[in-house]
Structure formats: C-alpha cells, structure tokens
Amino acid sequence: MKKKVRSHGPSKSKKPMVPFVQVVWAEDLTKKEFKEFKKQVKLALRYPNYSIISNYEIHWDTYAVIPGAKARLVWGDNISDKEAEDLKQQVNYALYDPNHVIVTDYQVHWKEIA
C-alpha cells in the first residue's frame, strides 16, 4: 500500500514565524563604533540586566508582523546596494528567528500592508 505525501508548498513555509521584529539602530557611527555597538546589543540581549552606555543616541524599535500581509516594505534612507542586500537578509532572518535582532547604523523604516 502506497502512502500519500502532501506538500503544503511554498506559501505555507513563507509565513513569518514571529509576531514582531526588533530593529536597533544608531546613526553616524565609525566602523569601530558600529562593531562595538553590535557587540553591546548582543550582550544586552543575552543578559537582561546588562545596560548599554553610549555617547550617541540609540533607537530600539519594535514592529508588528501581520500574518498574511499583502506586502511588507522595509527600507533605509540613502543606503548603498550592499547595505540594502544586508538589510534584506537580516529581515529574512528576523521574520523566522525570534532571537534575531536587526542592528544597523542607519534608520530602518517598516510598513506592513494588510
């Protein structure tokens, strides 16, 4: 007797697995400052009592992920093609991994269209 295998297709696996995405950003950082900034964010996520102390403004934004959204627009102002590709990859990780936080040195805009 043969068993029937059902495939749910790509639409089932393409649904986001998280209710929200977190984006942490700070502008006008040098490469060295940005590297240290990313390390500080990782430590803050790992240890809840850890505080980030900086001499620049840090933004920690949370965006809701709407299940079945018709479109999701995510962009940064005046970013290079390389930065746009990196942002796209980070967004894809964040949509499926609740522990992934998007960290950038530019403001990220997020818009869900239901």
Protein backbone atom coordinates (compact mmCIF):
# COMPACT_ATOMS: atom_id res chain seq x y z
CA MET A 1 0.00 0.00 0.00
CA LYS A 2 1.39 3.41 -1.02
CA LYS A 3 1.29 6.37 1.31
CA LYS A 4 0.22 9.73 0.01
CA VAL A 5 2.53 12.60 0.82
CA ARG A 6 1.04 16.04 0.96
CA SER A 7 3.11 19.08 0.25
CA HIS A 8 1.98 22.39 1.61
CA GLY A 9 4.00 24.27 -0.99
CA PRO A 10 5.96 27.46 -0.59
CA SER A 11 3.07 29.57 0.68
CA LYS A 12 2.95 27.65 3.96
CA SER A 13 6.69 27.91 4.60
CA LYS A 14 6.84 31.60 3.63
CA LYS A 15 4.66 32.74 6.55
CA PRO A 16 6.58 34.64 9.22
CA MET A 17 7.10 32.71 12.43
CA VAL A 18 7.32 35.71 14.78
CA PRO A 19 4.71 38.26 15.99
CA PHE A 20 7.16 41.17 15.92
CA VAL A 21 10.63 42.19 14.74
CA GLN A 22 13.11 44.30 16.67
CA VAL A 23 15.37 46.85 14.99
CA VAL A 24 18.21 48.57 16.83
CA TRP A 25 19.99 51.47 15.14
CA ALA A 26 22.28 54.39 15.76
CA GLU A 27 23.41 56.92 13.15
CA ASP A 28 26.77 58.42 12.24
CA LEU A 29 28.98 55.74 13.78
CA THR A 30 32.50 54.91 12.67
CA LYS A 31 33.19 51.29 11.71
CA LYS A 32 34.87 50.71 15.07
CA GLU A 33 31.93 52.27 16.96
CA PHE A 34 29.42 50.21 14.98
CA LYS A 35 31.31 46.97 15.70
CA GLU A 36 31.29 47.81 19.42
CA PHE A 37 27.61 48.82 19.20
CA LYS A 38 26.66 45.42 17.74
CA LYS A 39 28.60 43.67 20.50
CA GLN A 40 26.80 45.75 23.14
CA VAL A 41 23.38 44.87 21.66
CA LYS A 42 24.24 41.15 21.72
CA LEU A 43 25.28 41.39 25.36
CA ALA A 44 22.08 43.27 26.25
CA LEU A 45 20.00 40.54 24.61
CA ARG A 46 21.92 37.76 26.34
CA TYR A 47 21.91 39.33 29.82
CA PRO A 48 18.65 41.12 30.75
CA ASN A 49 20.35 43.24 33.45
CA TYR A 50 23.03 44.48 31.05
CA SER A 51 22.88 48.21 30.23
CA ILE A 52 24.22 49.84 27.10
CA ILE A 53 26.05 53.08 27.86
CA SER A 54 26.93 55.29 24.88
CA ASN A 55 27.69 58.86 23.91
CA TYR A 56 25.30 58.69 20.94
CA GLU A 57 21.56 58.17 20.57
CA ILE A 58 20.36 54.54 20.31
CA HIS A 59 16.94 53.61 18.92
CA TRP A 60 15.32 50.25 19.74
CA ASP A 61 12.17 49.85 17.65
CA THR A 62 9.65 47.01 17.62
CA TYR A 63 7.46 46.40 14.57
CA ALA A 64 4.42 44.12 14.45
CA VAL A 65 4.42 41.39 11.82
CA ILE A 66 0.95 40.98 10.33
CA PRO A 67 0.18 37.36 9.35
CA GLY A 68 -0.96 37.21 5.75
CA ALA A 69 0.16 40.76 4.96
CA LYS A 70 -0.14 41.61 1.26
CA ALA A 71 3.15 43.47 1.31
CA ARG A 72 5.99 44.35 3.63
CA LEU A 73 8.07 47.44 2.88
CA VAL A 74 11.38 47.78 4.70
CA TRP A 75 13.88 50.47 3.74
CA GLY A 76 16.68 52.71 4.92
CA ASP A 77 17.27 56.25 3.69
CA ASN A 78 20.32 56.83 1.47
CA ILE A 79 21.82 53.35 1.89
CA SER A 80 24.10 51.58 -0.59
CA ASP A 81 23.13 48.50 -2.60
CA LYS A 82 25.32 46.39 -0.29
CA GLU A 83 23.55 47.77 2.78
CA ALA A 84 20.17 47.11 1.14
CA GLU A 85 21.12 43.47 0.47
CA ASP A 86 22.35 43.10 4.05
CA LEU A 87 19.11 44.61 5.37
CA LYS A 88 17.07 42.22 3.21
CA GLN A 89 19.00 39.25 4.61
CA GLN A 90 18.60 40.48 8.20
CA VAL A 91 14.85 40.98 7.69
CA ASN A 92 14.52 37.42 6.37
CA TYR A 93 16.36 36.05 9.42
CA ALA A 94 14.29 38.18 11.81
CA LEU A 95 10.97 37.01 10.35
CA TYR A 96 11.72 33.38 11.19
CA ASP A 97 14.01 33.59 14.23
CA PRO A 98 12.55 35.28 17.33
CA ASN A 99 16.06 35.74 18.75
CA HIS A 100 17.38 37.69 15.74
CA VAL A 101 17.53 41.47 16.11
CA ILE A 102 18.29 43.72 13.14
CA VAL A 103 21.20 46.02 14.03
CA THR A 104 22.13 48.88 11.67
CA ASP A 105 23.94 52.20 11.63
CA TYR A 106 21.04 53.90 9.80
CA GLN A 107 17.32 54.31 10.45
CA VAL A 108 15.13 51.46 9.25
CA HIS A 109 11.54 52.10 8.19
CA TRP A 110 8.98 49.27 8.34
CA LYS A 111 5.49 49.24 6.84
CA GLU A 112 3.10 46.28 6.72
CA ILE A 113 0.18 46.38 4.28
CA ALA A 114 -2.68 44.12 5.32
